[in-house]
Protein backbone atom coordinates (compact mmCIF):
# COMPACT_ATOMS: atom_id res chain seq x y z
CA MET A 1 42.53 82.70 38.11
CA ALA A 2 45.34 82.20 40.35
CA ILE A 3 44.61 80.61 43.89
CA ARG A 4 45.89 83.02 46.52
CA LEU A 5 46.82 82.23 50.19
CA ILE A 6 43.86 84.12 51.31
CA ASP A 7 41.54 81.87 49.23
CA VAL A 8 43.11 78.87 51.00
CA ALA A 9 42.29 80.41 54.30
CA ARG A 10 38.67 81.24 53.46
CA TYR A 11 38.26 77.69 52.05
CA ALA A 12 39.69 76.16 55.30
CA GLY A 13 37.88 78.57 57.69
CA VAL A 14 41.16 79.56 59.23
CA SER A 15 43.14 82.92 59.32
CA THR A 16 45.93 83.61 56.65
CA ALA A 17 48.46 83.43 59.37
CA THR A 18 47.54 79.73 60.22
CA VAL A 19 47.86 78.76 56.46
CA SER A 20 51.16 80.48 56.45
CA ARG A 21 52.50 78.61 59.39
CA VAL A 22 51.20 75.37 58.00
CA LEU A 23 52.84 75.86 54.84
CA ALA A 24 56.01 77.04 56.54
CA GLY A 25 56.15 73.86 58.54
CA TYR A 26 55.72 75.31 61.93
CA PRO A 27 55.05 72.62 64.54
CA HIS A 28 52.81 74.67 66.79
CA VAL A 29 49.52 74.29 64.83
CA ARG A 30 46.56 72.18 66.18
CA PRO A 31 46.37 68.89 64.08
CA GLU A 32 42.80 69.41 63.00
CA LEU A 33 43.50 73.02 61.65
CA ARG A 34 46.72 71.50 59.86
CA GLU A 35 44.45 68.85 58.16
CA ARG A 36 42.02 71.53 57.14
CA VAL A 37 44.65 73.69 55.67
CA GLN A 38 46.32 70.75 53.83
CA ALA A 39 42.93 69.57 52.37
CA ALA A 40 42.19 73.02 51.33
CA VAL A 41 45.52 73.39 49.44
CA ARG A 42 44.89 69.90 47.65
CA ASP A 43 41.21 70.84 46.88
CA LEU A 44 42.21 74.12 45.42
CA GLY A 45 45.40 73.20 43.82
CA TYR A 46 47.19 76.08 45.59
CA ARG A 47 50.83 76.37 44.64
CA PRO A 48 52.89 79.06 46.62
CA SER A 49 54.58 81.77 44.47
CA ARG A 50 58.33 81.30 44.28
CA VAL A 51 58.63 85.05 44.40
CA ALA A 52 56.45 85.39 47.33
CA ARG A 53 58.56 82.66 49.14
CA SER A 54 61.73 84.35 48.23
CA LEU A 55 60.37 87.58 49.77
CA ARG A 56 59.18 85.96 52.79
CA GLY A 57 62.53 84.52 53.23
CA ARG A 58 63.97 88.19 53.23
CA ASN A 59 60.97 89.38 55.56
CA ALA A 60 63.26 92.18 56.72
CA GLN A 61 62.86 93.78 53.54
CA ILE A 62 59.27 94.18 53.33
CA ILE A 63 56.85 96.61 55.39
CA GLY A 64 53.03 96.82 55.18
CA VAL A 65 51.14 100.00 54.74
CA ILE A 66 47.44 99.76 55.57
CA ILE A 67 45.34 103.01 55.03
CA THR A 68 41.80 103.71 54.79
CA ASP A 69 41.50 104.91 51.11
CA ILE A 70 44.31 105.59 48.60
CA GLN A 71 41.70 107.69 46.48
CA ASN A 72 41.96 110.31 49.31
CA PRO A 73 44.86 112.58 47.97
CA PHE A 74 45.90 112.72 51.78
CA PHE A 75 46.86 109.29 51.70
CA THR A 76 48.39 109.25 48.33
CA TYR A 77 50.99 111.78 49.40
CA LEU A 78 51.43 109.89 52.82
CA VAL A 79 52.04 106.57 50.98
CA ARG A 80 54.42 108.07 48.57
CA ALA A 81 56.58 109.43 51.58
CA VAL A 82 56.55 105.98 53.19
CA GLU A 83 57.49 104.33 50.03
CA ASP A 84 60.29 106.72 49.29
CA ALA A 85 61.78 106.17 52.71
CA ALA A 86 61.39 102.41 52.31
CA TYR A 87 63.20 102.41 48.98
CA GLU A 88 65.86 104.28 50.18
CA ARG A 89 66.62 101.44 52.79
CA GLN A 90 65.94 98.83 49.91
CA TYR A 91 62.60 97.76 51.39
CA ALA A 92 59.41 96.90 49.46
CA ILE A 93 55.95 97.76 50.68
CA PHE A 94 52.63 95.78 50.67
CA LEU A 95 49.77 98.37 50.41
CA CYS A 96 46.17 97.74 51.49
CA ASN A 97 43.06 100.02 51.78
CA THR A 98 40.52 99.11 54.41
CA ASP A 99 37.67 101.50 53.35
CA GLU A 100 37.19 102.16 57.11
CA ASP A 101 36.04 98.49 57.49
CA TRP A 102 37.28 96.85 60.49
CA GLU A 103 36.81 93.33 59.20
CA LYS A 104 38.74 94.17 56.11
CA GLU A 105 41.42 95.69 58.18
CA GLN A 106 41.61 92.53 60.35
CA LEU A 107 41.91 90.49 57.07
CA TYR A 108 44.96 92.56 56.01
CA ILE A 109 46.48 92.47 59.25
CA ASP A 110 46.33 88.74 59.23
CA LEU A 111 48.01 88.82 55.81
CA MET A 112 50.82 90.94 57.27
CA VAL A 113 51.35 88.43 59.94
CA ALA A 114 51.21 85.54 57.31
CA GLU A 115 53.66 87.28 55.16
CA GLN A 116 56.05 87.85 58.19
CA VAL A 117 56.48 91.51 57.14
CA ALA A 118 59.17 93.48 59.31
CA GLY A 119 56.74 96.26 60.09
CA VAL A 120 53.45 98.09 59.44
CA VAL A 121 52.53 101.60 59.10
CA ILE A 122 48.81 101.72 59.83
CA CYS A 123 45.86 104.32 59.88
CA PRO A 124 43.74 102.36 62.17
CA THR A 125 39.87 102.17 61.56
CA THR A 126 39.51 102.21 65.47
CA GLU A 127 41.29 102.96 68.53
CA ASP A 128 40.45 99.75 70.06
CA PRO A 129 43.67 98.02 71.37
CA GLN A 130 42.65 94.79 70.00
CA ALA A 131 42.98 96.03 66.37
CA CYS A 132 46.84 95.57 66.28
CA ARG A 133 47.25 92.92 68.94
CA PRO A 134 48.02 90.18 66.12
CA LEU A 135 50.83 92.23 64.72
CA LEU A 136 52.31 92.73 68.22
CA GLU A 137 52.05 89.15 69.36
CA ALA A 138 53.83 88.06 65.93
CA GLY A 139 56.78 90.48 66.91
CA ILE A 140 55.97 92.82 63.91
CA SER A 141 56.84 96.47 64.46
CA VAL A 142 53.96 98.96 64.22
CA VAL A 143 53.49 102.63 63.82
CA THR A 144 50.17 104.38 63.51
CA VAL A 145 49.79 107.47 61.50
CA ASP A 146 47.09 110.21 61.72
CA ARG A 147 45.28 108.21 64.40
CA ILE A 148 46.16 106.39 67.49
CA VAL A 149 45.44 103.11 69.09
CA GLN A 150 44.61 103.36 72.88
CA GLY A 151 46.26 101.19 75.59
CA GLU A 152 49.06 99.96 73.50
CA GLN A 153 52.68 101.17 73.56
CA ILE A 154 52.69 101.89 69.79
CA ASP A 155 54.68 104.73 68.05
CA ALA A 156 52.69 107.26 66.35
CA ALA A 157 53.00 110.00 63.75
CA LEU A 158 50.28 112.74 64.19
CA VAL A 159 49.30 116.29 63.62
CA ASP A 160 47.91 118.82 66.12
CA ASN A 161 44.32 118.25 65.15
CA VAL A 162 42.96 120.10 68.13
CA GLY A 163 45.08 123.20 67.82
CA ALA A 164 44.55 123.64 64.06
CA SER A 165 40.91 123.34 64.18
CA PHE A 166 40.72 125.81 67.07
CA ALA A 167 42.72 128.20 64.92
CA LEU A 168 40.54 127.76 61.82
CA VAL A 169 37.35 128.52 63.77
CA GLU A 170 38.94 131.25 65.84
CA HIS A 171 39.78 132.90 62.30
CA LEU A 172 36.06 132.76 61.42
CA ILE A 173 35.17 134.33 64.73
CA ALA A 174 37.66 137.17 64.34
CA ASP A 175 36.07 137.82 61.06
CA GLY A 176 32.79 138.42 62.85
CA HIS A 177 31.14 135.00 62.36
CA GLN A 178 29.17 133.73 65.42
CA HIS A 179 26.71 131.15 63.79
CA ILE A 180 29.39 128.45 62.68
CA ALA A 181 28.62 124.87 61.75
CA ALA A 182 31.08 122.03 61.52
CA ILE A 183 31.50 118.85 59.53
CA VAL A 184 34.00 116.51 60.99
CA PRO A 185 35.04 112.89 60.52
CA ASP A 186 33.49 110.13 62.55
CA LEU A 187 34.00 110.44 66.18
CA VAL A 188 35.27 106.72 66.50
CA THR A 189 38.54 107.83 65.31
CA THR A 190 40.90 109.97 67.42
CA THR A 191 41.31 112.40 64.35
CA GLY A 192 37.59 112.93 64.11
CA ARG A 193 37.10 113.51 67.85
CA GLN A 194 40.10 115.90 68.18
CA ARG A 195 38.94 118.12 65.26
CA CYS A 196 35.52 118.30 66.73
CA GLU A 197 37.16 119.06 69.96
CA GLY A 198 39.04 122.04 68.45
CA TYR A 199 35.80 123.44 67.20
CA HIS A 200 34.09 123.13 70.48
CA ARG A 201 36.94 124.58 72.36
CA ALA A 202 37.05 127.68 69.99
CA MET A 203 33.16 128.23 70.36
CA GLU A 204 33.24 127.93 74.11
CA HIS A 205 36.33 130.01 74.23
CA TYR A 206 34.46 133.03 72.66
CA GLY A 207 31.19 132.45 74.48
CA LEU A 208 29.36 130.87 71.37
CA ALA A 209 28.67 127.56 73.03
CA GLU A 210 24.88 128.26 72.72
CA SER A 211 25.24 128.53 69.08
CA ASN A 212 27.20 125.24 68.97
CA LEU A 213 24.30 123.21 67.56
CA LEU A 214 25.32 121.99 64.15
CA ALA A 215 28.54 119.88 64.66
CA CYS A 216 27.79 116.86 62.19
CA HIS A 217 30.07 113.99 61.71
CA GLY A 218 30.33 111.04 59.32
CA LYS A 219 32.77 108.74 57.31
CA PRO A 220 35.12 111.06 55.47
CA SER A 221 33.50 110.78 51.94
CA ASP A 222 32.45 113.23 49.35
CA ARG A 223 28.92 111.71 49.69
CA ASN A 224 28.73 112.16 53.40
CA GLY A 225 30.16 115.67 53.08
CA TYR A 226 27.55 116.66 50.58
CA ASP A 227 24.52 115.07 52.58
CA LEU A 228 25.62 116.58 55.90
CA ALA A 229 26.19 120.22 54.31
CA ARG A 230 22.77 119.98 52.62
CA SER A 231 21.14 119.27 56.10
CA ILE A 232 23.08 122.26 57.57
CA LEU A 233 22.22 124.65 54.88
CA ALA A 234 18.56 123.56 55.10
CA ALA A 235 18.32 124.47 58.97
CA ALA A 236 16.01 127.21 59.86
CA GLU A 237 18.88 129.50 60.87
CA ARG A 238 21.39 128.90 58.26
CA PRO A 239 24.87 129.38 59.60
CA THR A 240 26.99 132.06 58.14
CA ALA A 241 30.08 130.08 58.28
CA LEU A 242 31.33 126.27 57.94
CA PHE A 243 34.34 124.42 59.25
CA THR A 244 34.98 121.06 57.44
CA GLY A 245 37.38 118.75 58.94
CA ASN A 246 38.59 116.52 56.20
CA ASN A 247 39.27 117.16 52.47
CA MET A 248 36.75 114.71 51.21
CA LEU A 249 33.98 116.12 53.35
CA THR A 250 35.15 119.63 52.22
CA LEU A 251 34.73 118.45 48.56
CA GLY A 252 31.15 117.28 49.32
CA ALA A 253 30.24 120.47 51.16
CA LEU A 254 31.32 122.62 48.32
CA ARG A 255 29.15 120.69 45.79
CA ALA A 256 26.13 121.21 48.23
CA ILE A 257 26.90 124.85 48.56
CA ARG A 258 27.00 125.04 44.80
CA ASP A 259 23.80 123.04 44.29
CA GLU A 260 22.10 125.45 46.89
CA GLY A 261 23.14 128.49 44.60
CA LEU A 262 25.01 130.07 47.42
CA ARG A 263 28.26 132.12 47.00
CA ILE A 264 31.42 131.89 48.87
CA PRO A 265 31.93 133.89 50.99
CA ASP A 266 29.11 136.24 50.55
CA ASP A 267 26.55 133.77 51.54
CA ILE A 268 28.50 131.41 53.54
CA ALA A 269 32.24 131.43 54.62
CA ILE A 270 34.09 128.14 54.71
CA VAL A 271 37.46 127.05 56.32
CA ALA A 272 38.97 123.55 55.81
CA PHE A 273 41.23 120.88 57.08
CA ASP A 274 43.87 119.79 54.47
CA ASP A 275 45.28 121.70 51.54
CA LEU A 276 45.07 120.16 48.01
CA ASP A 277 46.24 121.55 44.61
CA TRP A 278 42.61 121.90 43.44
CA MET A 279 41.77 124.23 46.40
CA THR A 280 44.00 126.91 44.87
CA LEU A 281 42.46 126.61 41.52
CA MET A 282 38.86 127.27 42.62
CA GLN A 283 37.67 130.75 43.12
CA PRO A 284 37.62 132.00 45.90
CA GLN A 285 40.65 129.98 47.16
CA LEU A 286 40.04 128.17 50.48
CA THR A 287 41.42 129.11 53.92
CA VAL A 288 42.83 125.95 55.27
CA ALA A 289 45.05 124.03 57.87
CA ALA A 290 47.52 122.54 55.49
CA GLN A 291 48.99 119.41 56.91
CA PRO A 292 52.48 118.50 56.39
CA THR A 293 51.23 115.17 54.69
CA TYR A 294 54.62 114.06 53.06
CA GLU A 295 56.55 114.98 56.06
CA LEU A 296 53.95 112.95 58.18
CA GLY A 297 54.65 109.92 56.06
CA ARG A 298 58.47 110.30 56.31
CA THR A 299 57.96 110.60 60.04
CA ALA A 300 55.87 107.43 60.17
CA ALA A 301 58.58 105.50 58.29
CA LYS A 302 61.51 106.86 60.35
CA LEU A 303 59.57 105.71 63.48
CA LEU A 304 59.13 102.27 62.01
CA PHE A 305 62.54 101.67 61.05
CA SER A 306 63.87 102.81 64.27
CA ARG A 307 61.38 100.40 66.09
CA ILE A 308 62.60 97.62 63.63
CA ALA A 309 66.10 98.31 64.75
CA ASP A 310 65.34 98.38 68.47
CA HIS A 311 62.13 96.53 69.57
CA ASN A 312 62.83 97.55 73.11
CA ARG A 313 63.10 101.33 72.96
CA ALA A 314 60.50 103.61 74.68
CA ARG A 315 57.36 104.66 72.73
CA GLN A 316 57.62 107.77 70.55
CA GLU A 317 54.83 109.99 69.57
CA VAL A 318 55.61 112.69 67.06
CA VAL A 319 53.04 115.57 66.56
CA LEU A 320 53.57 117.83 63.51
CA GLN A 321 51.88 121.31 63.25
CA PRO A 322 49.62 122.21 60.28
CA GLU A 323 50.06 125.58 58.66
CA ILE A 324 46.97 127.91 58.71
CA ILE A 325 46.81 129.56 55.14
CA VAL A 326 44.28 132.42 55.09
CA ARG A 327 42.77 132.94 51.57
CA GLN A 328 39.62 134.41 50.34
CA SER A 329 36.92 132.03 51.47
CA CYS A 330 36.03 133.76 54.76
CA ALA A 331 35.54 137.41 54.23
CA ARG A 332 34.64 139.63 57.21
CA HIS A 333 31.09 139.33 58.33
CA ILE A 334 29.27 141.93 60.32
CA GLU A 335 26.96 140.60 63.17
CA PRO A 336 24.66 143.04 64.83
CA ALA A 337 25.31 141.34 68.06
CA ARG A 338 27.88 142.01 70.73
CA ARG A 339 31.55 142.47 70.37
CA LEU A 340 33.38 139.06 71.14
CA VAL A 341 36.04 138.47 73.51
CA PRO A 342 37.39 135.31 75.08
CA VAL A 343 35.59 134.19 78.21
CA THR A 344 38.43 132.32 79.65
CA PRO A 345 42.26 132.81 79.67
CA ALA A 346 44.07 132.04 76.48
CA VAL A 347 43.96 128.37 75.45
CA HIS A 348 47.20 127.02 74.20
CA CYS A 349 46.38 124.06 71.96
């Protein structure tokens, strides 16, 4: 098995950036670290790839893309858009998956620094400003996509999570539902928090805050969607409708509904964030907030290349609007309770 730069870094107990600097002959490396790296290179028999050296020598032609999970179709479409935009400009991409793991993300960020990429598009695992600091300190252009990092002047390509979530829940309320549960991504990410906020705003706006007791959150996976939905469906007073804030959570929730022997929308209505091909194949088809995923990726790439061209320009944040597509998964529900009207002036999200 070929020895990689990352293997040398682990063996020497240093970052990949330090290994790269030693191999490139940079003078500003502490002597003891330089000796450890050189010893690791000798012990492991590491030989830098000619191709890698050539690419690093043309670092302006490489960008990194760091996402949470390429198996999530949302990221599949997004990465394709970034790659298309990069190819048009004769750039190559390095693609990394973090699996929502902060340590793995930092490992890949170190790799991007070591490979001296021109820029990075990243969906960060956290909004902690320290997350992207190594990239910024290395002079590497950064754009976040789908999520933001707080406290840093980093460009961002986003969607209106609050407004779209509000609209989905409002649609359920307009159909007569009052007991509405939600399953949203982890609140440690801005995306999860904003989608949960849209749900809460809609419930409060229509005077349903007292029913707002079943807002569950977890890592956006099929397994978590299944487990959270099963717990919601087992509640003493089962909700009549469900809002899911991520396509993987939706997939798990649908399996749970099936396993409980419930029918959509007769037994429980459902609205979901994201619109994927399989959602139009199932019966009934799902009412969704369809994200402009490919456009989101193109926007992130455009912001990145603009930043590469001008490091000193003002920060830009582009927010795209999802499309609410009404289908058959949330038929009208008749509640014996009061007629609902907004309790505050109209909210513009």
